[in-house]
Protein backbone atom coordinates (compact mmCIF):
# COMPACT_ATOMS: atom_id res chain seq x y z
CA MET A 1 -23.84 3.01 34.06
CA TYR A 2 -26.99 2.47 36.12
CA VAL A 3 -28.20 -0.66 34.31
CA PRO A 4 -27.76 -4.22 35.63
CA LYS A 5 -24.54 -5.72 34.26
CA LYS A 6 -26.35 -8.69 32.69
CA LEU A 7 -28.47 -6.30 30.57
CA GLN A 8 -25.92 -3.64 29.62
CA GLU A 9 -25.20 -5.00 26.13
CA ASN A 10 -28.93 -5.48 25.42
CA PHE A 11 -30.26 -2.23 26.87
CA LYS A 12 -30.75 0.94 24.85
CA LEU A 13 -30.85 3.88 27.25
CA ILE A 14 -33.66 6.34 26.59
CA LYS A 15 -33.47 8.56 29.65
CA GLU A 16 -31.72 8.89 33.00
CA GLU A 17 -33.41 11.12 35.57
CA PRO A 18 -31.17 12.13 38.49
CA GLY A 19 -32.69 13.23 41.79
CA THR A 20 -33.35 11.81 45.23
CA ASN A 21 -33.48 8.48 43.44
CA ILE A 22 -32.08 7.84 39.97
CA ILE A 23 -34.62 6.59 37.41
CA VAL A 24 -33.22 4.87 34.31
CA LYS A 25 -35.51 4.17 31.36
CA GLY A 26 -34.71 2.15 28.28
CA VAL A 27 -35.71 -0.56 25.89
CA LEU A 28 -34.40 -4.10 25.44
CA SER A 29 -32.56 -4.72 22.17
CA CYS A 30 -30.82 -7.53 20.31
CA CYS A 31 -29.57 -7.77 16.71
CA GLY A 32 -30.23 -4.02 16.32
CA GLN A 33 -33.98 -4.49 16.84
CA HIS A 34 -36.57 -4.64 19.63
CA ASP A 35 -38.85 -7.61 18.81
CA PHE A 36 -39.04 -10.31 21.50
CA THR A 37 -41.13 -13.20 22.71
CA ILE A 38 -41.77 -12.95 26.46
CA LEU A 39 -41.40 -15.93 28.79
CA TYR A 40 -42.35 -15.51 32.43
CA VAL A 41 -42.70 -17.23 35.78
CA GLY A 42 -45.37 -15.83 38.05
CA GLU A 43 -49.12 -15.47 38.31
CA LEU A 44 -50.66 -13.50 35.44
CA GLU A 45 -53.69 -11.73 36.83
CA THR A 46 -56.24 -9.30 35.42
CA ASN A 47 -57.50 -6.60 37.77
CA TRP A 48 -61.03 -5.26 37.66
CA PHE A 49 -59.95 -2.47 35.27
CA GLY A 50 -58.75 -5.12 32.80
CA ARG A 51 -55.06 -4.39 33.44
CA LYS A 52 -52.65 -7.36 33.33
CA ASP A 53 -50.03 -7.84 36.04
CA ILE A 54 -47.54 -10.57 36.83
CA PHE A 55 -47.39 -11.30 40.55
CA PRO A 56 -44.96 -13.51 42.47
CA LYS A 57 -45.49 -17.24 42.49
CA GLY A 58 -44.28 -19.70 45.10
CA GLU A 59 -41.33 -18.31 47.02
CA ASN A 60 -42.07 -14.71 45.91
CA THR A 61 -40.74 -15.58 42.47
CA ILE A 62 -41.11 -13.53 39.32
CA VAL A 63 -38.87 -14.19 36.34
CA LEU A 64 -39.11 -12.53 32.95
CA ALA A 65 -36.99 -13.66 30.00
CA ALA A 66 -37.04 -12.33 26.45
CA LYS A 67 -36.26 -14.40 23.37
CA CYS A 68 -34.98 -12.43 20.36
CA ASN A 69 -37.25 -13.03 17.38
CA VAL A 70 -34.28 -12.66 14.98
CA CYS A 71 -31.45 -14.78 16.43
CA GLY A 72 -33.25 -16.74 19.20
CA ASN A 73 -30.94 -15.40 21.93
CA GLU A 74 -32.66 -15.66 25.33
CA ILE A 75 -32.07 -12.83 27.79
CA GLU A 76 -33.01 -13.10 31.46
CA VAL A 77 -34.43 -9.63 32.05
CA PHE A 78 -35.43 -10.01 35.69
CA ASN A 79 -35.28 -12.73 38.34
CA SER A 80 -36.70 -11.78 41.74
CA LEU A 81 -34.62 -14.50 43.43
CA THR A 82 -31.27 -13.01 42.38
CA ASP A 83 -31.71 -9.48 41.03
CA GLY A 84 -32.02 -6.07 42.60
CA TYR A 85 -30.91 -4.56 45.87
CA ASP A 86 -31.69 -7.61 48.03
CA GLY A 87 -29.94 -9.88 45.51
CA VAL A 88 -26.74 -7.79 45.74
CA THR A 89 -26.77 -7.23 49.50
CA GLY A 90 -27.93 -10.73 50.49
CA GLY A 91 -31.23 -9.43 51.80
CA HIS A 92 -33.32 -12.33 50.49
CA ASP A 93 -35.04 -14.46 53.10
CA ASP A 94 -32.82 -17.28 54.38
CA TYR A 95 -35.51 -19.95 53.94
CA ILE A 96 -35.35 -19.74 50.14
CA ASP A 97 -33.02 -22.29 48.55
CA ILE A 98 -32.30 -20.22 45.43
CA HIS A 99 -30.65 -23.00 43.41
CA SER A 100 -33.51 -25.48 43.82
CA ALA A 101 -36.09 -22.70 43.32
CA ILE A 102 -34.51 -21.64 39.99
CA SER A 103 -34.20 -25.21 38.70
CA SER A 104 -37.90 -25.89 39.30
CA LEU A 105 -39.24 -22.86 37.40
CA GLU A 106 -41.88 -23.42 34.75
CA PHE A 107 -42.08 -20.70 32.12
CA ASN A 108 -45.21 -19.48 30.35
CA THR A 109 -45.38 -17.50 27.11
CA PHE A 110 -47.03 -14.09 27.31
CA ASN A 111 -49.42 -13.38 24.42
CA CYS A 112 -51.21 -10.17 23.57
CA THR A 113 -54.79 -10.23 24.86
CA LYS A 114 -55.91 -7.99 22.00
CA CYS A 115 -54.45 -9.78 18.94
CA SER A 116 -52.90 -13.00 20.40
CA ALA A 117 -49.45 -12.16 18.96
CA SER A 118 -46.31 -12.93 20.94
CA ASN A 119 -44.01 -10.19 19.61
CA PHE A 120 -43.16 -7.35 22.01
CA LEU A 121 -41.01 -4.28 22.43
CA ILE A 122 -39.95 -4.31 26.10
CA ASN A 123 -39.60 -1.01 27.97
CA ILE A 124 -37.77 -1.27 31.29
CA SER A 125 -37.32 1.28 34.07
CA PHE A 126 -35.05 0.92 37.10
CA GLU A 127 -34.94 3.01 40.25
CA TYR A 128 -31.66 3.35 42.15
CA PRO A 129 -31.05 5.04 45.51
CA ASP A 130 -28.65 7.93 44.85
CA ASP A 131 -26.21 6.93 47.63
CA LEU A 132 -25.36 3.33 46.62
CA GLU A 133 -21.66 3.96 46.07
CA ASN A 134 -21.39 5.85 49.38
CA ASP A 135 -22.99 2.87 51.15
CA GLY A 136 -20.08 0.67 50.01
CA ILE A 137 -22.09 -1.42 47.55
CA GLN A 138 -19.59 -2.78 45.03
CA GLU A 139 -22.07 -3.81 42.32
CA TYR A 140 -24.17 -0.64 42.36
CA GLU A 141 -25.38 -1.33 38.79
CA ASN A 142 -27.20 -4.43 40.00
CA ALA A 143 -28.62 -2.88 43.19
CA PHE A 144 -31.78 -1.28 41.79
CA SER A 145 -34.54 -0.79 44.35
CA SER A 146 -37.50 -1.04 41.93
CA ILE A 147 -38.15 -2.33 38.43
CA TRP A 148 -41.03 -1.68 36.03
CA ILE A 149 -41.42 -3.69 32.81
CA SER A 150 -43.95 -2.47 30.23
CA PRO A 151 -44.13 -4.47 26.98
CA THR A 152 -45.85 -3.18 23.84
CA CYS A 153 -47.21 -5.60 21.26
CA THR A 154 -45.40 -4.94 17.98
CA SER A 155 -48.39 -6.25 16.00
CA CYS A 156 -51.28 -4.17 17.39
CA LYS A 157 -49.38 -1.63 19.59
CA LYS A 158 -51.25 -2.52 22.82
CA THR A 159 -49.11 -1.54 25.82
CA TYR A 160 -49.12 -3.45 29.10
CA LYS A 161 -48.08 -0.68 31.49
CA ASN A 162 -46.07 -2.06 34.40
CA LEU A 163 -46.77 -5.72 33.65
CA ILE A 164 -44.09 -6.20 36.30
CA ASP A 165 -43.90 -3.59 39.06
CA MET A 166 -41.66 -4.80 41.85
CA GLU A 167 -39.68 -3.38 44.71
CA THR A 168 -36.42 -5.25 45.29
CA ALA A 169 -35.27 -3.68 48.58
């Protein structure tokens, strides 16, 4: 299954598009529902069209975690220091001390800019090269080359298209 192992039990597959690259689309779930509070590490910026994006902070770090609004379970959705193709193949820059970088992370809560709510449905898309298994990559599920995270406020329905848009290879 082309979904990172750490998300497989909390990922509801919507669509898998085979081709030159495999695109997997789905939604985060917990307790049979899709309502989460978003915690993130990174720089939240607004472009001149008013679109929100989370960009890397510090050592090219972006982390997005989701806290279930029913049971309180916290799910690490994406961590740029450990996830994706470079995380699986060891392609991260050698100068990053991952353990000290992770321990020093300060999380922010993402709130809707339209209604100030903090409840979101989280759509996630992954892109995988179609030849991962032929390249000898053992953990092909974790070796996605790109990730897009697009939350939708469950209160007012505002969607933040590609709040995170990151290449991992």
